C-alpha atoms as a PDB file:
ATOM      1  CA  MET A   1      -1.394  23.826 -26.437  1.00  0.00           C
ATOM      2  CA  THR A   2       0.521  20.568 -26.193  1.00  0.00           C
ATOM      3  CA  ARG A   3       2.465  19.976 -22.987  1.00  0.00           C
ATOM      4  CA  THR A   4       5.067  17.345 -22.315  1.00  0.00           C
ATOM      5  CA  ALA A   5       5.763  15.189 -19.292  1.00  0.00           C
ATOM      6  CA  ARG A   6       7.982  12.246 -18.388  1.00  0.00           C
ATOM      7  CA  ALA A   7       6.650   8.958 -17.068  1.00  0.00           C
ATOM      8  CA  PHE A   8       7.872   5.540 -15.926  1.00  0.00           C
ATOM      9  CA  TRP A   9       6.700   2.586 -18.014  1.00  0.00           C
ATOM     10  CA  VAL A  10       7.278  -1.160 -17.770  1.00  0.00           C
ATOM     11  CA  ARG A  11       8.299  -1.907 -21.350  1.00  0.00           C
ATOM     12  CA  THR A  12       8.447  -5.697 -20.945  1.00  0.00           C
ATOM     13  CA  PRO A  13       8.574  -7.842 -17.778  1.00  0.00           C
ATOM     14  CA  GLY A  14      11.723  -6.912 -15.888  1.00  0.00           C
ATOM     15  CA  HIS A  15      12.528  -3.853 -18.003  1.00  0.00           C
ATOM     16  CA  GLY A  16      11.444  -0.275 -17.244  1.00  0.00           C
ATOM     17  CA  GLU A  17      12.041   3.009 -19.014  1.00  0.00           C
ATOM     18  CA  ILE A  18      11.302   6.733 -18.760  1.00  0.00           C
ATOM     19  CA  ARG A  19       9.176   7.981 -21.656  1.00  0.00           C
ATOM     20  CA  ASP A  20       8.491  11.492 -22.892  1.00  0.00           C
ATOM     21  CA  ILE A  21       4.752  11.890 -23.377  1.00  0.00           C
ATOM     22  CA  GLN A  22       2.247  14.579 -24.280  1.00  0.00           C
ATOM     23  CA  ILE A  23      -0.521  15.760 -21.965  1.00  0.00           C
ATOM     24  CA  PRO A  24      -3.524  17.918 -22.872  1.00  0.00           C
ATOM     25  CA  ASP A  25      -4.647  21.209 -21.391  1.00  0.00           C
ATOM     26  CA  PRO A  26      -7.094  20.619 -18.532  1.00  0.00           C
ATOM     27  CA  ALA A  27     -10.785  20.977 -19.308  1.00  0.00           C
ATOM     28  CA  GLU A  28     -13.076  23.024 -17.065  1.00  0.00           C
ATOM     29  CA  ASP A  29     -13.651  20.147 -14.648  1.00  0.00           C
ATOM     30  CA  GLU A  30     -10.047  18.901 -14.651  1.00  0.00           C
ATOM     31  CA  VAL A  31      -6.781  19.772 -12.907  1.00  0.00           C
ATOM     32  CA  LEU A  32      -3.176  19.921 -14.047  1.00  0.00           C
ATOM     33  CA  VAL A  33      -0.961  18.495 -11.306  1.00  0.00           C
ATOM     34  CA  ARG A  34       2.812  18.803 -10.980  1.00  0.00           C
ATOM     35  CA  SER A  35       4.189  15.794  -9.126  1.00  0.00           C
ATOM     36  CA  LEU A  36       6.178  16.408  -5.967  1.00  0.00           C
ATOM     37  CA  TRP A  37       6.577  12.813  -4.797  1.00  0.00           C
ATOM     38  CA  SER A  38       5.370   9.356  -5.696  1.00  0.00           C
ATOM     39  CA  GLY A  39       5.707   6.086  -3.843  1.00  0.00           C
ATOM     40  CA  VAL A  40       6.390   2.555  -5.006  1.00  0.00           C
ATOM     41  CA  SER A  41       3.918   0.058  -3.573  1.00  0.00           C
ATOM     42  CA  ARG A  42       6.630  -2.575  -3.484  1.00  0.00           C
ATOM     43  CA  GLY A  43       4.591  -5.776  -3.356  1.00  0.00           C
ATOM     44  CA  THR A  44       2.125  -4.928  -6.108  1.00  0.00           C
ATOM     45  CA  GLU A  45       4.403  -2.868  -8.319  1.00  0.00           C
ATOM     46  CA  THR A  46       7.276  -5.346  -8.340  1.00  0.00           C
ATOM     47  CA  LEU A  47       4.727  -8.051  -9.195  1.00  0.00           C
ATOM     48  CA  VAL A  48       3.621  -5.910 -12.157  1.00  0.00           C
ATOM     49  CA  PHE A  49       7.267  -5.213 -13.049  1.00  0.00           C
ATOM     50  CA  ARG A  50       8.062  -8.947 -13.114  1.00  0.00           C
ATOM     51  CA  GLY A  51       4.995  -9.702 -15.246  1.00  0.00           C
ATOM     52  CA  GLY A  52       3.425 -11.775 -12.464  1.00  0.00           C
ATOM     53  CA  VAL A  53      -0.187 -10.575 -12.707  1.00  0.00           C
ATOM     54  CA  PRO A  54      -2.273 -13.638 -13.665  1.00  0.00           C
ATOM     55  CA  GLY A  55      -4.422 -13.300 -16.762  1.00  0.00           C
ATOM     56  CA  SER A  56      -7.592 -13.831 -14.771  1.00  0.00           C
ATOM     57  CA  GLN A  57      -6.785 -10.686 -12.751  1.00  0.00           C
ATOM     58  CA  HIS A  58      -5.799  -8.305 -15.554  1.00  0.00           C
ATOM     59  CA  THR A  59      -9.045  -6.369 -15.279  1.00  0.00           C
ATOM     60  CA  ALA A  60      -9.315  -6.408 -11.486  1.00  0.00           C
ATOM     61  CA  MET A  61      -5.706  -5.277 -11.087  1.00  0.00           C
ATOM     62  CA  ARG A  62      -5.922  -2.220 -13.326  1.00  0.00           C
ATOM     63  CA  ALA A  63      -4.894   0.986 -11.565  1.00  0.00           C
ATOM     64  CA  PRO A  64      -7.271   3.977 -11.927  1.00  0.00           C
ATOM     65  CA  PHE A  65      -5.085   5.847 -14.439  1.00  0.00           C
ATOM     66  CA  GLN A  66      -3.146   2.929 -15.860  1.00  0.00           C
ATOM     67  CA  GLU A  67      -2.143   3.067 -19.518  1.00  0.00           C
ATOM     68  CA  GLY A  68      -1.255  -0.028 -21.494  1.00  0.00           C
ATOM     69  CA  ASP A  69      -1.905  -3.596 -20.437  1.00  0.00           C
ATOM     70  CA  PHE A  70      -0.242  -6.348 -18.435  1.00  0.00           C
ATOM     71  CA  SER A  71       2.393  -7.595 -18.882  1.00  0.00           C
ATOM     72  CA  GLY A  72       3.566  -4.552 -20.859  1.00  0.00           C
ATOM     73  CA  PRO A  73       4.061  -2.001 -22.087  1.00  0.00           C
ATOM     74  CA  VAL A  74       2.201  -0.609 -19.082  1.00  0.00           C
ATOM     75  CA  LYS A  75       2.265   2.585 -17.008  1.00  0.00           C
ATOM     76  CA  TYR A  76       1.304   1.512 -13.499  1.00  0.00           C
ATOM     77  CA  GLY A  77       1.260   3.077 -10.040  1.00  0.00           C
ATOM     78  CA  TYR A  78      -1.095   4.726  -7.573  1.00  0.00           C
ATOM     79  CA  LEU A  79       0.786   6.705  -4.914  1.00  0.00           C
ATOM     80  CA  ASN A  80       1.251  10.265  -6.172  1.00  0.00           C
ATOM     81  CA  VAL A  81       1.405  13.602  -4.344  1.00  0.00           C
ATOM     82  CA  GLY A  82       1.546  16.822  -6.320  1.00  0.00           C
ATOM     83  CA  GLN A  83       0.563  20.461  -6.491  1.00  0.00           C
ATOM     84  CA  VAL A  84      -2.370  21.666  -8.562  1.00  0.00           C
ATOM     85  CA  GLU A  85      -1.127  24.193 -11.122  1.00  0.00           C
ATOM     86  CA  GLU A  86      -4.358  24.717 -13.065  1.00  0.00           C
ATOM     87  CA  GLY A  87      -7.996  23.929 -12.374  1.00  0.00           C
ATOM     88  CA  PRO A  88     -10.839  25.083 -10.134  1.00  0.00           C
ATOM     89  CA  ALA A  89      -9.862  28.078  -7.992  1.00  0.00           C
ATOM     90  CA  GLU A  90     -10.367  26.187  -4.729  1.00  0.00           C
ATOM     91  CA  LEU A  91      -7.740  23.612  -5.762  1.00  0.00           C
ATOM     92  CA  VAL A  92      -5.070  25.735  -7.474  1.00  0.00           C
ATOM     93  CA  GLY A  93      -1.953  25.764  -5.326  1.00  0.00           C
ATOM     94  CA  ARG A  94      -3.183  22.929  -3.092  1.00  0.00           C
ATOM     95  CA  THR A  95      -1.129  19.838  -2.378  1.00  0.00           C
ATOM     96  CA  VAL A  96      -3.165  16.792  -3.380  1.00  0.00           C
ATOM     97  CA  PHE A  97      -2.987  13.003  -3.370  1.00  0.00           C
ATOM     98  CA  CYS A  98      -3.988  11.070  -6.487  1.00  0.00           C
ATOM     99  CA  LEU A  99      -4.009   7.409  -7.490  1.00  0.00           C
ATOM    100  CA  TYR A 100      -1.698   8.172 -10.414  1.00  0.00           C
ATOM    101  CA  PRO A 101       1.462   6.475 -11.750  1.00  0.00           C
ATOM    102  CA  HIS A 102       4.995   7.891 -11.664  1.00  0.00           C
ATOM    103  CA  GLN A 103       4.857  10.934 -13.956  1.00  0.00           C
ATOM    104  CA  THR A 104       6.122  14.516 -13.742  1.00  0.00           C
ATOM    105  CA  ARG A 105       2.807  16.214 -14.660  1.00  0.00           C
ATOM    106  CA  TYR A 106      -0.661  14.881 -15.415  1.00  0.00           C
ATOM    107  CA  VAL A 107      -4.252  15.917 -16.070  1.00  0.00           C
ATOM    108  CA  VAL A 108      -7.121  14.207 -14.242  1.00  0.00           C
ATOM    109  CA  PRO A 109     -10.701  15.051 -13.264  1.00  0.00           C
ATOM    110  CA  ALA A 110     -10.825  17.395 -10.284  1.00  0.00           C
ATOM    111  CA  THR A 111     -12.791  14.724  -8.431  1.00  0.00           C
ATOM    112  CA  ALA A 112      -9.810  12.346  -8.683  1.00  0.00           C
ATOM    113  CA  VAL A 113      -7.599  14.363  -6.339  1.00  0.00           C
ATOM    114  CA  THR A 114      -7.867  14.646  -2.557  1.00  0.00           C
ATOM    115  CA  PRO A 115      -6.364  17.653  -0.761  1.00  0.00           C
ATOM    116  CA  VAL A 116      -3.630  16.766   1.698  1.00  0.00           C
ATOM    117  CA  PRO A 117      -4.310  18.247   5.158  1.00  0.00           C
ATOM    118  CA  GLU A 118      -1.985  21.119   6.027  1.00  0.00           C
ATOM    119  CA  HIS A 119      -0.650  19.216   9.053  1.00  0.00           C
ATOM    120  CA  VAL A 120       0.531  16.298   6.861  1.00  0.00           C
ATOM    121  CA  PRO A 121       3.870  16.725   5.008  1.00  0.00           C
ATOM    122  CA  ALA A 122       3.639  16.100   1.269  1.00  0.00           C
ATOM    123  CA  SER A 123       6.623  13.764   1.506  1.00  0.00           C
ATOM    124  CA  ARG A 124       4.704  11.533   3.959  1.00  0.00           C
ATOM    125  CA  ALA A 125       1.402  11.715   2.094  1.00  0.00           C
ATOM    126  CA  VAL A 126       2.686   9.212  -0.520  1.00  0.00           C
ATOM    127  CA  LEU A 127       1.699   6.567   2.054  1.00  0.00           C
ATOM    128  CA  ALA A 128      -1.985   7.484   1.776  1.00  0.00           C
ATOM    129  CA  GLY A 129      -2.901   4.570  -0.481  1.00  0.00           C
ATOM    130  CA  THR A 130      -1.174   2.086   1.819  1.00  0.00           C
ATOM    131  CA  VAL A 131      -2.736   3.537   4.964  1.00  0.00           C
ATOM    132  CA  GLU A 132      -6.102   3.410   3.192  1.00  0.00           C
ATOM    133  CA  THR A 133      -5.542  -0.331   2.716  1.00  0.00           C
ATOM    134  CA  ALA A 134      -4.778  -0.624   6.440  1.00  0.00           C
ATOM    135  CA  VAL A 135      -7.936   1.310   7.348  1.00  0.00           C
ATOM    136  CA  ASN A 136     -10.062  -1.010   5.217  1.00  0.00           C
ATOM    137  CA  ALA A 137      -8.367  -4.061   6.732  1.00  0.00           C
ATOM    138  CA  LEU A 138      -9.177  -2.917  10.262  1.00  0.00           C
ATOM    139  CA  TRP A 139     -12.770  -2.194   9.268  1.00  0.00           C
ATOM    140  CA  ASP A 140     -12.863  -5.823   8.103  1.00  0.00           C
ATOM    141  CA  ALA A 141     -11.029  -7.131  11.173  1.00  0.00           C
ATOM    142  CA  ALA A 142     -13.068  -5.187  13.781  1.00  0.00           C
ATOM    143  CA  PRO A 143     -10.523  -5.565  16.610  1.00  0.00           C
ATOM    144  CA  LEU A 144     -11.865  -5.460  20.148  1.00  0.00           C
ATOM    145  CA  LEU A 145     -10.622  -3.808  23.307  1.00  0.00           C
ATOM    146  CA  GLY A 146      -8.051  -6.095  24.917  1.00  0.00           C
ATOM    147  CA  ASP A 147      -7.575  -8.395  21.908  1.00  0.00           C
ATOM    148  CA  ARG A 148      -4.357 -10.386  21.540  1.00  0.00           C
ATOM    149  CA  ILE A 149      -3.194  -9.414  18.048  1.00  0.00           C
ATOM    150  CA  ALA A 150      -0.271 -10.138  15.745  1.00  0.00           C
ATOM    151  CA  VAL A 151       0.617  -8.516  12.455  1.00  0.00           C
ATOM    152  CA  VAL A 152       2.630 -11.068  10.488  1.00  0.00           C
ATOM    153  CA  GLY A 153       4.700  -9.420   7.773  1.00  0.00           C
ATOM    154  CA  GLY A 154       6.472  -6.120   8.398  1.00  0.00           C
ATOM    155  CA  GLY A 155       6.210  -4.565   4.956  1.00  0.00           C
ATOM    156  CA  MET A 156       4.456  -1.319   4.039  1.00  0.00           C
ATOM    157  CA  VAL A 157       0.962  -2.646   4.616  1.00  0.00           C
ATOM    158  CA  GLY A 158       1.770  -4.667   7.715  1.00  0.00           C
ATOM    159  CA  CYS A 159       3.572  -1.761   9.362  1.00  0.00           C
ATOM    160  CA  SER A 160       0.716   0.613   8.517  1.00  0.00           C
ATOM    161  CA  VAL A 161      -1.726  -1.784  10.168  1.00  0.00           C
ATOM    162  CA  ALA A 162       0.565  -2.023  13.197  1.00  0.00           C
ATOM    163  CA  VAL A 163       0.717   1.775  13.609  1.00  0.00           C
ATOM    164  CA  LEU A 164      -3.078   1.968  13.666  1.00  0.00           C
ATOM    165  CA  LEU A 165      -3.511  -1.034  15.976  1.00  0.00           C
ATOM    166  CA  ALA A 166      -1.036   0.483  18.427  1.00  0.00           C
ATOM    167  CA  ARG A 167      -3.678   3.161  19.085  1.00  0.00           C
ATOM    168  CA  PHE A 168      -6.193   0.584  20.353  1.00  0.00           C
ATOM    169  CA  PRO A 169      -6.311   0.536  24.180  1.00  0.00           C
ATOM    170  CA  GLY A 170      -5.519  -2.645  26.029  1.00  0.00           C
ATOM    171  CA  VAL A 171      -4.412  -4.776  23.082  1.00  0.00           C
ATOM    172  CA  ARG A 172      -1.437  -7.118  23.163  1.00  0.00           C
ATOM    173  CA  LEU A 173       0.251  -6.368  19.842  1.00  0.00           C
ATOM    174  CA  GLN A 174       3.292  -7.839  18.105  1.00  0.00           C
ATOM    175  CA  LEU A 175       4.789  -7.181  14.688  1.00  0.00           C
ATOM    176  CA  VAL A 176       6.148 -10.506  13.464  1.00  0.00           C
ATOM    177  CA  ASP A 177       8.710 -10.788  10.678  1.00  0.00           C
ATOM    178  CA  ALA A 178      11.474 -13.194   9.659  1.00  0.00           C
ATOM    179  CA  ASP A 179      13.826 -10.277   8.914  1.00  0.00           C
ATOM    180  CA  PRO A 180      15.474  -9.139  12.189  1.00  0.00           C
ATOM    181  CA  ARG A 181      16.087  -5.703  10.641  1.00  0.00           C
ATOM    182  CA  ARG A 182      12.360  -5.038  11.008  1.00  0.00           C
ATOM    183  CA  ALA A 183      12.931  -4.829  14.773  1.00  0.00           C
ATOM    184  CA  LYS A 184      14.267  -1.282  14.373  1.00  0.00           C
ATOM    185  CA  VAL A 185      11.207  -0.312  12.347  1.00  0.00           C
ATOM    186  CA  ALA A 186       8.926  -1.793  14.992  1.00  0.00           C
ATOM    187  CA  GLU A 187      10.773   0.172  17.674  1.00  0.00           C
ATOM    188  CA  ALA A 188      10.272   3.394  15.711  1.00  0.00           C
ATOM    189  CA  LEU A 189       6.580   2.560  15.424  1.00  0.00           C
ATOM    190  CA  GLY A 190       6.302   1.883  19.151  1.00  0.00           C
ATOM    191  CA  VAL A 191       5.320  -1.755  18.572  1.00  0.00           C
ATOM    192  CA  ASP A 192       6.692  -4.964  20.113  1.00  0.00           C
ATOM    193  CA  PHE A 193       8.639  -7.138  17.628  1.00  0.00           C
ATOM    194  CA  ALA A 194       9.090 -10.903  17.411  1.00  0.00           C
ATOM    195  CA  SER A 195      10.511 -13.459  15.027  1.00  0.00           C
ATOM    196  CA  PRO A 196       8.049 -16.088  13.747  1.00  0.00           C
ATOM    197  CA  GLU A 197       9.595 -18.624  16.133  1.00  0.00           C
ATOM    198  CA  ASP A 198       9.295 -16.381  19.199  1.00  0.00           C
ATOM    199  CA  ALA A 199       5.875 -14.847  18.480  1.00  0.00           C
ATOM    200  CA  LEU A 200       3.241 -15.063  21.191  1.00  0.00           C
ATOM    201  CA  GLY A 201       0.397 -17.492  20.554  1.00  0.00           C
ATOM    202  CA  GLU A 202      -3.260 -17.616  21.547  1.00  0.00           C
ATOM    203  CA  CYS A 203      -4.038 -14.648  19.289  1.00  0.00           C
ATOM    204  CA  ASP A 204      -7.638 -13.584  18.861  1.00  0.00           C
ATOM    205  CA  LEU A 205      -6.807 -11.788  15.617  1.00  0.00           C
ATOM    206  CA  ILE A 206      -3.908 -11.891  13.164  1.00  0.00           C
ATOM    207  CA  VAL A 207      -3.428  -9.640  10.159  1.00  0.00           C
ATOM    208  CA  HIS A 208      -1.254 -11.420   7.600  1.00  0.00           C
ATOM    209  CA  ALA A 209       0.767  -9.377   5.120  1.00  0.00           C
ATOM    210  CA  SER A 210       3.968 -11.343   4.480  1.00  0.00           C
ATOM    211  CA  ALA A 211       2.820 -12.710   1.090  1.00  0.00           C
ATOM    212  CA  THR A 212       4.435 -16.047   1.957  1.00  0.00           C
ATOM    213  CA  GLU A 213       2.951 -19.496   2.379  1.00  0.00           C
ATOM    214  CA  ARG A 214       5.076 -20.067   5.461  1.00  0.00           C
ATOM    215  CA  GLY A 215       3.850 -16.837   7.025  1.00  0.00           C
ATOM    216  CA  LEU A 216       0.191 -17.738   6.547  1.00  0.00           C
ATOM    217  CA  ALA A 217       0.750 -21.236   7.950  1.00  0.00           C
ATOM    218  CA  ARG A 218       2.419 -19.706  11.012  1.00  0.00           C
ATOM    219  CA  CYS A 219      -0.624 -17.471  11.487  1.00  0.00           C
ATOM    220  CA  LEU A 220      -2.828 -20.550  11.890  1.00  0.00           C
ATOM    221  CA  GLU A 221      -0.453 -21.910  14.526  1.00  0.00           C
ATOM    222  CA  LEU A 222      -0.579 -18.652  16.514  1.00  0.00           C
ATOM    223  CA  LEU A 223      -4.379 -18.362  16.629  1.00  0.00           C
ATOM    224  CA  SER A 224      -6.506 -19.129  19.650  1.00  0.00           C
ATOM    225  CA  THR A 225      -9.612 -21.281  19.242  1.00  0.00           C
ATOM    226  CA  GLU A 226     -12.088 -19.514  16.909  1.00  0.00           C
ATOM    227  CA  GLY A 227      -9.446 -16.911  16.074  1.00  0.00           C
ATOM    228  CA  THR A 228      -9.364 -15.079  12.736  1.00  0.00           C
ATOM    229  CA  VAL A 229      -6.672 -14.336  10.169  1.00  0.00           C
ATOM    230  CA  ILE A 230      -7.308 -11.315   7.960  1.00  0.00           C
ATOM    231  CA  GLU A 231      -5.387 -12.052   4.761  1.00  0.00           C
ATOM    232  CA  LEU A 232      -3.967  -8.928   3.106  1.00  0.00           C
ATOM    233  CA  SER A 233      -1.251 -10.566   1.010  1.00  0.00           C
ATOM    234  CA  TRP A 234      -1.449 -10.577  -2.764  1.00  0.00           C
ATOM    235  CA  TYR A 235       0.155 -13.709  -4.234  1.00  0.00           C
ATOM    236  CA  GLY A 236      -0.324 -12.946  -7.923  1.00  0.00           C
ATOM    237  CA  ASP A 237       0.071 -16.129  -9.932  1.00  0.00           C
ATOM    238  CA  ARG A 238       1.559 -18.161  -7.058  1.00  0.00           C
ATOM    239  CA  ARG A 239      -0.393 -21.024  -5.466  1.00  0.00           C
ATOM    240  CA  VAL A 240      -0.453 -21.349  -1.686  1.00  0.00           C
ATOM    241  CA  SER A 241      -0.776 -24.592   0.303  1.00  0.00           C
ATOM    242  CA  LEU A 242      -2.138 -24.510   3.843  1.00  0.00           C
ATOM    243  CA  PRO A 243      -2.442 -27.121   6.637  1.00  0.00           C
ATOM    244  CA  LEU A 244      -6.231 -27.179   6.723  1.00  0.00           C
ATOM    245  CA  GLY A 245      -6.250 -30.616   8.291  1.00  0.00           C
ATOM    246  CA  GLU A 246      -4.827 -31.090  11.777  1.00  0.00           C
ATOM    247  CA  ALA A 247      -6.728 -28.820  14.208  1.00  0.00           C
ATOM    248  CA  PHE A 248      -8.045 -26.288  11.673  1.00  0.00           C
ATOM    249  CA  HIS A 249     -11.648 -27.511  11.887  1.00  0.00           C
ATOM    250  CA  SER A 250     -11.736 -28.585  15.527  1.00  0.00           C
ATOM    251  CA  ARG A 251     -10.447 -25.159  16.593  1.00  0.00           C
ATOM    252  CA  ARG A 252     -12.891 -23.431  14.194  1.00  0.00           C
ATOM    253  CA  LEU A 253     -10.259 -21.130  12.718  1.00  0.00           C
ATOM    254  CA  VAL A 254     -11.130 -18.459  10.145  1.00  0.00           C
ATOM    255  CA  VAL A 255      -9.095 -17.104   7.210  1.00  0.00           C
ATOM    256  CA  ARG A 256     -10.789 -14.094   5.643  1.00  0.00           C
ATOM    257  CA  SER A 257      -9.583 -11.925   2.777  1.00  0.00           C
ATOM    258  CA  SER A 258      -9.469  -8.142   2.788  1.00  0.00           C
ATOM    259  CA  GLN A 259      -8.896  -6.026  -0.290  1.00  0.00           C
ATOM    260  CA  VAL A 260      -8.932  -2.261  -0.724  1.00  0.00           C
ATOM    261  CA  GLY A 261     -10.766  -2.408  -4.066  1.00  0.00           C
ATOM    262  CA  THR A 262     -14.107  -2.205  -2.238  1.00  0.00           C
ATOM    263  CA  VAL A 263     -15.084  -0.461   0.981  1.00  0.00           C
ATOM    264  CA  SER A 264     -15.408  -2.965   3.823  1.00  0.00           C
ATOM    265  CA  PRO A 265     -18.997  -4.266   4.218  1.00  0.00           C
ATOM    266  CA  ALA A 266     -18.812  -3.147   7.838  1.00  0.00           C
ATOM    267  CA  CYS A 267     -18.721   0.513   6.749  1.00  0.00           C
ATOM    268  CA  ARG A 268     -20.114   0.436   3.217  1.00  0.00           C
ATOM    269  CA  ALA A 269     -23.484   1.898   4.210  1.00  0.00           C
ATOM    270  CA  THR A 270     -21.957   4.981   5.819  1.00  0.00           C
ATOM    271  CA  ARG A 271     -18.517   5.512   4.214  1.00  0.00           C
ATOM    272  CA  THR A 272     -17.485   6.215   0.626  1.00  0.00           C
ATOM    273  CA  TYR A 273     -14.128   5.699  -1.072  1.00  0.00           C
ATOM    274  CA  ALA A 274     -13.515   9.439  -0.664  1.00  0.00           C
ATOM    275  CA  ASP A 275     -14.281   9.227   3.065  1.00  0.00           C
ATOM    276  CA  ARG A 276     -11.845   6.354   3.484  1.00  0.00           C
ATOM    277  CA  LEU A 277      -9.009   8.133   1.648  1.00  0.00           C
ATOM    278  CA  ALA A 278      -9.603  11.377   3.542  1.00  0.00           C
ATOM    279  CA  LEU A 279      -9.387   9.424   6.807  1.00  0.00           C
ATOM    280  CA  ALA A 280      -6.121   7.797   5.713  1.00  0.00           C
ATOM    281  CA  LEU A 281      -4.612  11.195   4.900  1.00  0.00           C
ATOM    282  CA  ASP A 282      -5.683  12.610   8.252  1.00  0.00           C
ATOM    283  CA  LEU A 283      -4.132   9.647  10.090  1.00  0.00           C
ATOM    284  CA  LEU A 284      -0.808  10.437   8.392  1.00  0.00           C
ATOM    285  CA  ALA A 285      -0.401  13.379  10.758  1.00  0.00           C
ATOM    286  CA  ASP A 286       1.346  10.802  12.982  1.00  0.00           C
ATOM    287  CA  PRO A 287       5.135  11.153  12.423  1.00  0.00           C
ATOM    288  CA  ALA A 288       5.555   7.464  13.289  1.00  0.00           C
ATOM    289  CA  PHE A 289       4.697   6.735   9.653  1.00  0.00           C
ATOM    290  CA  ASP A 290       8.005   8.300   8.557  1.00  0.00           C
ATOM    291  CA  ALA A 291       9.705   5.052   9.598  1.00  0.00           C
ATOM    292  CA  LEU A 292       8.002   3.352   6.644  1.00  0.00           C
ATOM    293  CA  ILE A 293       9.852   5.471   4.066  1.00  0.00           C
ATOM    294  CA  THR A 294      13.237   3.804   3.836  1.00  0.00           C
ATOM    295  CA  SER A 295      14.731   4.797   0.483  1.00  0.00           C
ATOM    296  CA  GLU A 296      14.425   7.420  -2.224  1.00  0.00           C
ATOM    297  CA  CYS A 297      15.509   8.128  -5.796  1.00  0.00           C
ATOM    298  CA  ALA A 298      14.943  10.566  -8.630  1.00  0.00           C
ATOM    299  CA  LEU A 299      12.477   9.645 -11.375  1.00  0.00           C
ATOM    300  CA  ASP A 300      15.279   9.063 -13.885  1.00  0.00           C
ATOM    301  CA  GLU A 301      16.747   6.411 -11.588  1.00  0.00           C
ATOM    302  CA  LEU A 302      13.497   4.470 -11.213  1.00  0.00           C
ATOM    303  CA  PRO A 303      14.008   1.902 -14.038  1.00  0.00           C
ATOM    304  CA  GLU A 304      17.225   0.645 -12.451  1.00  0.00           C
ATOM    305  CA  VAL A 305      15.883   0.909  -8.915  1.00  0.00           C
ATOM    306  CA  MET A 306      12.727  -1.028  -9.818  1.00  0.00           C
ATOM    307  CA  SER A 307      14.902  -3.887 -11.075  1.00  0.00           C
ATOM    308  CA  GLN A 308      16.703  -3.896  -7.738  1.00  0.00           C
ATOM    309  CA  LEU A 309      13.431  -3.786  -5.802  1.00  0.00           C
ATOM    310  CA  ALA A 310      12.034  -6.693  -7.815  1.00  0.00           C
ATOM    311  CA  ALA A 311      15.207  -8.694  -7.175  1.00  0.00           C
ATOM    312  CA  GLY A 312      15.023  -7.980  -3.455  1.00  0.00           C
ATOM    313  CA  SER A 313      18.508  -6.438  -3.412  1.00  0.00           C
ATOM    314  CA  ILE A 314      17.224  -3.274  -1.660  1.00  0.00           C
ATOM    315  CA  PRO A 315      15.774  -3.920   1.832  1.00  0.00           C
ATOM    316  CA  VAL A 316      12.952  -1.433   1.581  1.00  0.00           C
ATOM    317  CA  LEU A 317       9.485  -0.685   2.891  1.00  0.00           C
ATOM    318  CA  CYS A 318       8.239   2.337   0.932  1.00  0.00           C
ATOM    319  CA  HIS A 319      10.523   3.618  -1.793  1.00  0.00           C
ATOM    320  CA  ARG A 320       9.865   7.280  -2.544  1.00  0.00           C
ATOM    321  CA  VAL A 321      10.426   8.974  -5.903  1.00  0.00           C
ATOM    322  CA  ARG A 322      11.251  12.679  -5.992  1.00  0.00           C
ATOM    323  CA  TYR A 323      10.524  15.055  -8.853  1.00  0.00           C
ATOM    324  CA  PRO A 324      12.347  18.197 -10.025  1.00  0.00           C
ATOM    325  CA  ASN A 325      10.942  21.571  -8.929  1.00  0.00           C
END
């Protein structure tokens, strides 16, 4: 039997649309999922929407269930929470997270979905992919008891990192952002806030997630001798210039990348991708994460809303998409 669904596609750079599509019946080892919520990963998805994925990264940037190719037409996204309608008995009726684009119903292998813990609201679970990125970043960063830490860039990823770091005992932690409106978010997260100009220096560790050249340069200024910047920003096809002269070498500073595409080497021998995602979902029991969801729309509104997100006209962290019952 042929089933239909509706999905968001980027037709050409800067132009999205909702398409009617056909989906198959699930095979024995597959599940049919009805979407409840999906989330827009603003930095990456607006980059895809604008057509800013460099050609050299077209393969590396593919989402697990992406259809089409960059720069379009392409169906892209990876923050989806739904309910299993058909599949193995142990999954039917369960709320699950899946790295799937914005679509009303979909069929995937049963192994591609992760049950959402009962103590985590489905509406909050759309953050699982972002919190997973934060978990991997902190595995890479390996913060120590009593570290002086800054998170520069108060977007979805930066705020997720800040929530987790706030659990570390004895750390001096600041969320640093050029937008003063992020102060309210930081307050909701229980984290100290500072502008780039007023941020505390002599940091042992900085996690950078502002995706700006100026932000990364400021990170180097805020580091203590032999301090480390964990770079989480994705710049797409933009080039970044850094002041690697001056005191960069004499102070033995470190800039190290972190990317969720692979499990951190620090935990790779003992943790799988599934372990990491399950941990992220469990951490979402903390209601502080609700402060990261700042706007919402229906699926039919997403093409227009994505244009506004890409233009920066909506001051948003996570934008959530709701689906009809």
